[in-house]
């Protein structure tokens, strides 16, 4: 294991979007620091949106930290899990906002993982046609991906994140200390979203992840700080060029076309999002190889790293009667699809990704090779 004692533990990354620009603060002790919430929009009230797992750990601490800025701080606690990323849970937020008489200046704070962040952002985008919100992500996956860039949504039984809006937060506060209470399975799920940045944009970062995977799995603060920082830098660069995913930003979905099909096919929550993405990246890498973008050694390298991160590399059967047909049907409603044609993020050379269609025969080959009964 490589020591990370000499790596800095505090960073700030900026998302440059003109008058909607904001900072991502990364470090230890940020949850309780008054400076983390300085210069946020003034308001009479705020509302913390969290879930039943995170609530007893961090809600009271966040409430104390922001109470000097807001006369009233409400809290709404949602059920935990991907299966609750739904209209029903979203309405719990609206019910709380309306019952407390919250106005259009009320600031929402998303305290939790990707599900809480996505739903809070969607609620903020919708309530009174838009109120400010702040991301306070408590999972690795949320810190390196879902809390950054303004994509908000809920799931539909036929597709993941199909109902939502682009809506940027006022700030992202990534307190690395919250990762100490993260279950090992959730830590691995977050590493999937860290790993993806290497093949699509930065092979030096992929080299670094391989060299420090033991440190990351052991939650060494310096390793985690660097992984979150570099992931956010890459995502910031992409989002700054393509905020609404009209082109370049789609490369951030490497592994997600296959992964979302796994999530929907298994039933939301059976596999964590990061687990499905990890397996989906292996499948997308194999498709990239069949399309001539990378060689077998690249696929084997990525597969080893995904496995070393504690993630699955073998795809599940999602329909015993017609597994291929079910995969294709679910992938056809992916947000990147056009006129029913499935689009994939593939690696056309190491460190560079493109979005393109692929012959059905090659997609079928990948699924057949990847799935084990």
Protein backbone atom coordinates (compact mmCIF):
# COMPACT_ATOMS: atom_id res chain seq x y z
CA UNK A 1 0.00 0.00 0.00
CA UNK A 2 1.33 3.43 -0.94
CA UNK A 3 1.27 6.08 1.80
CA UNK A 4 -0.69 9.22 1.04
CA UNK A 5 0.64 11.25 3.98
CA UNK A 6 2.18 13.89 1.76
CA UNK A 7 -0.87 14.53 -0.43
CA UNK A 8 -2.93 17.66 0.37
CA UNK A 9 -6.28 17.02 2.03
CA UNK A 10 -8.17 20.19 1.05
CA UNK A 11 -9.06 21.30 -2.46
CA UNK A 12 -11.42 23.61 -4.30
CA UNK A 13 -12.58 22.89 -7.85
CA UNK A 14 -14.68 25.39 -9.81
CA UNK A 15 -17.47 24.68 -12.27
CA UNK A 16 -17.33 27.53 -14.78
CA UNK A 17 -20.82 28.26 -16.12
CA UNK A 18 -20.96 32.05 -16.24
CA UNK A 19 -23.40 33.45 -13.70
CA UNK A 20 -24.24 29.89 -12.60
CA UNK A 21 -20.64 29.01 -11.70
CA UNK A 22 -20.01 27.45 -8.30
CA UNK A 23 -17.33 25.84 -6.16
CA UNK A 24 -16.78 22.25 -5.12
CA UNK A 25 -15.05 22.16 -1.74
CA UNK A 26 -13.25 18.92 -0.89
CA UNK A 27 -11.67 18.10 2.46
CA UNK A 28 -12.08 16.95 6.06
CA UNK A 29 -14.18 18.77 8.65
CA UNK A 30 -16.18 20.73 6.09
CA UNK A 31 -19.64 19.63 7.26
CA UNK A 32 -19.37 21.59 10.51
CA UNK A 33 -17.37 24.55 9.22
CA UNK A 34 -19.27 27.83 8.92
CA UNK A 35 -16.99 28.84 6.05
CA UNK A 36 -18.39 25.98 3.96
CA UNK A 37 -21.70 27.83 3.71
CA UNK A 38 -20.47 31.42 3.43
CA UNK A 39 -21.92 33.60 0.66
CA UNK A 40 -24.85 31.30 -0.04
CA UNK A 41 -28.12 33.04 -0.97
CA UNK A 42 -29.79 34.80 1.94
CA UNK A 43 -33.13 33.41 3.06
CA UNK A 44 -35.41 33.17 6.10
CA UNK A 45 -35.60 29.39 5.92
CA UNK A 46 -33.69 26.35 4.73
CA UNK A 47 -34.62 22.70 4.40
CA UNK A 48 -32.32 19.72 4.77
CA UNK A 49 -33.36 16.75 2.64
CA UNK A 50 -31.80 13.50 3.78
CA UNK A 51 -32.68 9.82 4.23
CA UNK A 52 -33.28 7.49 7.13
CA UNK A 53 -29.69 6.17 7.05
CA UNK A 54 -27.89 9.51 6.93
CA UNK A 55 -30.30 11.41 9.19
CA UNK A 56 -29.04 10.07 12.53
CA UNK A 57 -25.41 10.46 11.47
CA UNK A 58 -25.18 13.97 10.07
CA UNK A 59 -28.50 15.89 9.98
CA UNK A 60 -28.14 17.53 13.40
CA UNK A 61 -24.56 18.58 12.61
CA UNK A 62 -25.55 20.22 9.35
CA UNK A 63 -28.51 21.91 11.02
CA UNK A 64 -26.21 23.42 13.66
CA UNK A 65 -23.72 24.55 11.03
CA UNK A 66 -26.27 26.47 8.96
CA UNK A 67 -28.53 27.71 11.75
CA UNK A 68 -26.61 30.97 12.02
CA UNK A 69 -27.52 31.76 8.40
CA UNK A 70 -31.21 30.80 8.47
CA UNK A 71 -33.83 31.63 11.08
CA UNK A 72 -35.60 28.32 10.52
CA UNK A 73 -34.10 25.03 9.35
CA UNK A 74 -36.56 22.27 8.48
CA UNK A 75 -35.66 18.64 7.81
CA UNK A 76 -37.38 16.03 5.66
CA UNK A 77 -36.26 12.40 5.90
CA UNK A 78 -36.81 10.12 2.90
CA UNK A 79 -36.72 6.33 2.69
CA UNK A 80 -33.29 5.06 1.65
CA UNK A 81 -32.43 3.30 -1.60
CA UNK A 82 -32.60 3.50 -5.38
CA UNK A 83 -36.05 1.90 -5.36
CA UNK A 84 -37.36 5.05 -3.63
CA UNK A 85 -36.09 7.46 -6.30
CA UNK A 86 -39.68 7.99 -7.32
CA UNK A 87 -42.63 10.36 -7.58
CA UNK A 88 -43.77 9.25 -4.13
CA UNK A 89 -40.51 10.27 -2.46
CA UNK A 90 -40.29 13.46 -4.50
CA UNK A 91 -43.73 14.43 -3.27
CA UNK A 92 -42.58 14.03 0.33
CA UNK A 93 -40.21 16.94 -0.33
CA UNK A 94 -42.95 19.04 -1.91
CA UNK A 95 -45.33 18.16 0.95
CA UNK A 96 -42.77 19.38 3.48
CA UNK A 97 -42.03 22.59 1.56
CA UNK A 98 -45.69 23.46 1.23
CA UNK A 99 -46.71 22.48 4.75
CA UNK A 100 -43.99 24.72 6.19
CA UNK A 101 -44.93 27.61 3.91
CA UNK A 102 -41.50 27.74 2.32
CA UNK A 103 -41.06 30.59 -0.16
CA UNK A 104 -39.04 30.85 -3.36
CA UNK A 105 -35.92 31.97 -1.48
CA UNK A 106 -35.81 28.86 0.70
CA UNK A 107 -32.49 27.02 0.27
CA UNK A 108 -32.55 23.24 0.03
CA UNK A 109 -29.60 21.18 1.29
CA UNK A 110 -29.17 17.69 -0.17
CA UNK A 111 -27.51 15.62 2.57
CA UNK A 112 -26.86 12.08 1.38
CA UNK A 113 -25.88 10.05 -1.64
CA UNK A 114 -26.85 10.25 -5.28
CA UNK A 115 -30.51 9.43 -4.77
CA UNK A 116 -30.99 12.24 -2.23
CA UNK A 117 -28.97 14.65 -4.36
CA UNK A 118 -30.86 13.90 -7.56
CA UNK A 119 -34.28 14.18 -5.93
CA UNK A 120 -33.43 17.32 -3.97
CA UNK A 121 -32.10 18.97 -7.10
CA UNK A 122 -35.21 18.04 -9.06
CA UNK A 123 -37.41 19.35 -6.24
CA UNK A 124 -35.40 22.60 -6.18
CA UNK A 125 -35.73 22.98 -9.94
CA UNK A 126 -39.50 22.47 -9.75
CA UNK A 127 -40.68 24.13 -6.53
CA UNK A 128 -42.01 27.59 -7.36
CA UNK A 129 -40.17 27.14 -10.68
CA UNK A 130 -36.80 27.13 -8.99
CA UNK A 131 -35.26 27.62 -5.55
CA UNK A 132 -31.55 27.48 -4.66
CA UNK A 133 -29.98 24.27 -3.40
CA UNK A 134 -26.66 23.00 -2.05
CA UNK A 135 -25.17 19.54 -2.44
CA UNK A 136 -23.64 17.97 0.68
CA UNK A 137 -22.78 14.49 -0.64
CA UNK A 138 -21.96 11.76 1.87
CA UNK A 139 -21.04 8.90 -0.48
CA UNK A 140 -18.00 8.56 -2.71
CA UNK A 141 -20.18 8.10 -5.79
CA UNK A 142 -22.04 11.33 -5.10
CA UNK A 143 -18.84 13.26 -4.33
CA UNK A 144 -17.12 12.29 -7.58
CA UNK A 145 -20.11 12.28 -9.91
CA UNK A 146 -23.78 12.78 -9.17
CA UNK A 147 -23.50 15.92 -7.00
CA UNK A 148 -21.52 17.75 -9.69
CA UNK A 149 -22.93 19.13 -12.91
CA UNK A 150 -26.60 19.78 -12.24
CA UNK A 151 -28.26 16.62 -13.56
CA UNK A 152 -31.33 15.91 -11.42
CA UNK A 153 -33.96 13.23 -11.89
CA UNK A 154 -36.14 10.44 -10.62
CA UNK A 155 -36.48 6.95 -12.08
CA UNK A 156 -39.32 5.43 -14.07
CA UNK A 157 -39.97 1.67 -14.13
CA UNK A 158 -39.00 1.68 -17.82
CA UNK A 159 -35.81 3.69 -17.48
CA UNK A 160 -33.37 5.23 -15.02
CA UNK A 161 -33.26 9.03 -14.58
CA UNK A 162 -35.76 9.55 -17.39
CA UNK A 163 -37.72 12.32 -15.64
CA UNK A 164 -35.70 15.30 -14.47
CA UNK A 165 -34.06 18.63 -15.21
CA UNK A 166 -30.68 20.30 -15.57
CA UNK A 167 -30.37 22.55 -12.51
CA UNK A 168 -27.08 23.64 -10.97
CA UNK A 169 -26.44 23.79 -7.22
CA UNK A 170 -25.08 26.87 -5.48
CA UNK A 171 -22.20 24.85 -3.99
CA UNK A 172 -20.97 21.31 -3.41
CA UNK A 173 -19.48 20.50 0.00
CA UNK A 174 -17.59 17.18 -0.03
CA UNK A 175 -16.60 16.31 3.54
CA UNK A 176 -14.31 13.31 3.22
CA UNK A 177 -14.95 12.39 6.86
CA UNK A 178 -18.46 11.26 5.94
CA UNK A 179 -16.89 8.43 3.94
CA UNK A 180 -15.76 6.83 7.20
CA UNK A 181 -19.32 5.64 7.85
CA UNK A 182 -19.85 4.41 4.30
CA UNK A 183 -20.42 0.64 3.97
CA UNK A 184 -17.70 -1.18 2.03
CA UNK A 185 -20.14 -2.04 -0.76
CA UNK A 186 -21.00 1.64 -1.21
CA UNK A 187 -17.32 2.61 -1.26
CA UNK A 188 -16.72 0.12 -4.08
CA UNK A 189 -19.73 1.50 -5.95
CA UNK A 190 -18.20 4.96 -5.79
CA UNK A 191 -14.89 3.69 -7.13
CA UNK A 192 -16.67 2.70 -10.35
CA UNK A 193 -17.34 6.35 -11.09
CA UNK A 194 -13.74 7.24 -10.21
CA UNK A 195 -12.35 4.57 -12.53
CA UNK A 196 -14.45 5.69 -15.50
CA UNK A 197 -12.63 9.02 -15.77
CA UNK A 198 -9.39 7.28 -16.77
CA UNK A 199 -10.48 5.45 -19.94
CA UNK A 200 -12.56 8.39 -21.20
CA UNK A 201 -10.22 11.31 -20.44
CA UNK A 202 -7.01 10.72 -18.50
CA UNK A 203 -4.91 7.58 -18.73
CA UNK A 204 -2.41 9.03 -16.24
CA UNK A 205 -5.25 9.10 -13.71
CA UNK A 206 -6.03 5.47 -14.55
CA UNK A 207 -2.36 4.65 -13.85
CA UNK A 208 -2.66 6.47 -10.51
CA UNK A 209 -5.84 4.59 -9.55
CA UNK A 210 -4.18 1.25 -10.31
CA UNK A 211 -1.15 2.19 -8.19
CA UNK A 212 -3.29 3.38 -5.27
CA UNK A 213 -6.30 1.06 -5.32
CA UNK A 214 -5.28 -0.49 -1.98
CA UNK A 215 -5.04 2.97 -0.42
CA UNK A 216 -8.45 3.89 -1.79
CA UNK A 217 -10.02 0.68 -0.52
CA UNK A 218 -8.42 1.38 2.88
CA UNK A 219 -9.90 4.92 2.82
CA UNK A 220 -6.58 6.69 3.21
CA UNK A 221 -7.54 10.39 3.39
CA UNK A 222 -4.87 11.61 0.99
CA UNK A 223 -5.80 9.04 -1.64
CA UNK A 224 -9.50 9.81 -1.33
CA UNK A 225 -8.87 13.57 -1.50
CA UNK A 226 -6.88 13.22 -4.71
CA UNK A 227 -9.39 10.82 -6.28
CA UNK A 228 -12.32 13.15 -5.54
CA UNK A 229 -10.39 16.21 -6.70
CA UNK A 230 -9.23 14.75 -10.02
CA UNK A 231 -12.64 13.24 -10.73
CA UNK A 232 -14.31 16.60 -10.11
CA UNK A 233 -11.72 18.40 -12.26
CA UNK A 234 -12.44 16.13 -15.20
CA UNK A 235 -16.18 16.38 -14.77
CA UNK A 236 -15.92 20.16 -14.38
CA UNK A 237 -13.98 20.40 -17.63
CA UNK A 238 -16.60 18.34 -19.47
CA UNK A 239 -19.64 20.10 -17.98
CA UNK A 240 -18.11 23.51 -18.65
CA UNK A 241 -18.11 22.68 -22.36
CA UNK A 242 -21.43 20.85 -22.58
CA UNK A 243 -23.75 21.55 -19.65
CA UNK A 244 -26.87 19.98 -21.13
CA UNK A 245 -25.37 16.85 -22.66
CA UNK A 246 -25.80 17.81 -26.30
CA UNK A 247 -22.48 16.21 -27.20
CA UNK A 248 -19.29 15.84 -25.16
CA UNK A 249 -20.93 15.35 -21.76
CA UNK A 250 -22.39 12.04 -22.87
CA UNK A 251 -18.93 10.46 -22.53
CA UNK A 252 -19.44 10.61 -18.76
CA UNK A 253 -21.92 7.77 -19.28
CA UNK A 254 -19.20 5.24 -20.10
CA UNK A 255 -20.56 1.88 -18.96
CA UNK A 256 -23.96 3.37 -18.15
CA UNK A 257 -25.93 2.08 -21.15
CA UNK A 258 -25.27 -1.51 -20.14
CA UNK A 259 -25.34 -0.57 -16.45
CA UNK A 260 -28.73 1.12 -16.52
CA UNK A 261 -30.19 -1.93 -18.27
CA UNK A 262 -28.85 -4.11 -15.45
CA UNK A 263 -30.34 -1.82 -12.79
CA UNK A 264 -33.76 -1.66 -14.42
CA UNK A 265 -33.78 -5.33 -15.38
CA UNK A 266 -32.81 -6.55 -11.92
CA UNK A 267 -35.15 -4.09 -10.20
CA UNK A 268 -33.81 -0.82 -8.79
CA UNK A 269 -31.74 -1.47 -5.69
CA UNK A 270 -30.85 -5.10 -6.36
CA UNK A 271 -27.49 -3.90 -7.69
CA UNK A 272 -26.09 -0.56 -6.60
CA UNK A 273 -25.65 1.98 -9.38
CA UNK A 274 -21.87 1.79 -9.15
CA UNK A 275 -21.93 -2.00 -9.27
CA UNK A 276 -23.96 -1.91 -12.47
CA UNK A 277 -21.66 0.76 -13.94
CA UNK A 278 -18.56 -1.25 -13.03
CA UNK A 279 -19.87 -4.28 -14.88
CA UNK A 280 -21.16 -2.02 -17.66
CA UNK A 281 -17.68 -0.54 -18.15
CA UNK A 282 -16.25 -4.02 -18.69
CA UNK A 283 -18.97 -4.67 -21.27
CA UNK A 284 -18.41 -1.29 -22.95
CA UNK A 285 -14.67 -1.93 -23.06
CA UNK A 286 -15.27 -5.27 -24.79
CA UNK A 287 -17.57 -3.54 -27.29
CA UNK A 288 -14.83 -0.96 -27.83
CA UNK A 289 -12.43 -3.79 -28.60
CA UNK A 290 -14.81 -5.35 -31.13
CA UNK A 291 -15.14 -1.92 -32.78
CA UNK A 292 -11.35 -1.60 -33.05
CA UNK A 293 -10.79 1.16 -30.50
CA UNK A 294 -8.76 -0.77 -27.92
CA UNK A 295 -7.01 -4.12 -27.70
CA UNK A 296 -7.67 -7.15 -25.52
CA UNK A 297 -4.96 -6.09 -23.07
CA UNK A 298 -6.86 -2.84 -22.37
CA UNK A 299 -10.06 -4.78 -21.66
CA UNK A 300 -8.22 -7.18 -19.37
CA UNK A 301 -6.57 -4.27 -17.54
CA UNK A 302 -9.86 -2.51 -16.91
CA UNK A 303 -11.52 -5.77 -15.86
CA UNK A 304 -8.78 -6.42 -13.29
CA UNK A 305 -9.14 -2.93 -11.83
CA UNK A 306 -12.93 -3.17 -11.62
CA UNK A 307 -12.60 -6.53 -9.87
CA UNK A 308 -9.91 -5.19 -7.52
CA UNK A 309 -12.36 -2.45 -6.52
CA UNK A 310 -14.80 -5.05 -5.25
CA UNK A 311 -17.18 -4.66 -8.20
CA UNK A 312 -18.85 -7.34 -10.33
CA UNK A 313 -17.43 -8.08 -13.77
CA UNK A 314 -19.97 -10.72 -14.79
CA UNK A 315 -23.37 -9.50 -15.98
CA UNK A 316 -26.59 -10.97 -14.60
CA UNK A 317 -29.40 -12.72 -16.42
CA UNK A 318 -32.29 -10.24 -16.33
CA UNK A 319 -34.82 -12.36 -18.26
CA UNK A 320 -34.68 -16.14 -18.26
CA UNK A 321 -36.84 -16.36 -21.39
CA UNK A 322 -35.28 -13.68 -23.59
CA UNK A 323 -32.24 -12.17 -21.92
CA UNK A 324 -30.83 -10.52 -25.05
CA UNK A 325 -34.20 -9.07 -25.99
CA UNK A 326 -34.68 -7.65 -22.50
CA UNK A 327 -31.24 -6.03 -22.49
CA UNK A 328 -31.85 -4.48 -25.90
CA UNK A 329 -35.33 -3.25 -24.96
CA UNK A 330 -34.05 -1.52 -21.83
CA UNK A 331 -31.07 0.00 -23.61
CA UNK A 332 -33.32 1.36 -26.35
CA UNK A 333 -34.90 3.79 -23.86
CA UNK A 334 -31.52 5.08 -22.68
CA UNK A 335 -31.33 8.88 -22.88
CA UNK A 336 -28.59 8.72 -25.51
CA UNK A 337 -30.78 6.68 -27.89
CA UNK A 338 -32.06 8.40 -31.00
CA UNK A 339 -35.19 7.21 -32.82
CA UNK A 340 -34.87 3.90 -31.00
CA UNK A 341 -31.24 3.41 -32.08
CA UNK A 342 -29.07 2.48 -29.11
CA UNK A 343 -26.00 4.66 -28.59
CA UNK A 344 -22.96 3.55 -26.59
CA UNK A 345 -20.03 5.38 -25.07
CA UNK A 346 -17.00 3.51 -26.40
CA UNK A 347 -13.25 4.05 -26.19
CA UNK A 348 -11.87 4.84 -29.65
CA UNK A 349 -8.37 5.13 -28.19
CA UNK A 350 -7.18 4.89 -24.57
CA UNK A 351 -8.08 8.10 -22.77
CA UNK A 352 -10.64 9.21 -25.36
CA UNK A 353 -14.31 8.29 -25.73
CA UNK A 354 -17.00 8.80 -28.36
CA UNK A 355 -20.72 8.13 -28.57
CA UNK A 356 -21.81 5.90 -31.41
CA UNK A 357 -24.12 3.10 -32.44
CA UNK A 358 -22.90 -0.47 -32.83
CA UNK A 359 -24.05 -3.40 -34.97
CA UNK A 360 -26.64 -5.52 -33.19
CA UNK A 361 -24.49 -8.60 -33.73
CA UNK A 362 -21.60 -7.09 -31.78
CA UNK A 363 -23.85 -5.94 -28.95
CA UNK A 364 -25.37 -9.42 -28.79
CA UNK A 365 -21.87 -10.92 -28.68
CA UNK A 366 -20.87 -8.70 -25.77
CA UNK A 367 -23.99 -9.60 -23.80
CA UNK A 368 -23.58 -13.31 -24.52
CA UNK A 369 -19.92 -13.25 -23.43
CA UNK A 370 -20.57 -11.13 -20.34
CA UNK A 371 -23.55 -12.92 -18.84
CA UNK A 372 -23.19 -15.98 -16.67
CA UNK A 373 -26.21 -17.93 -15.39
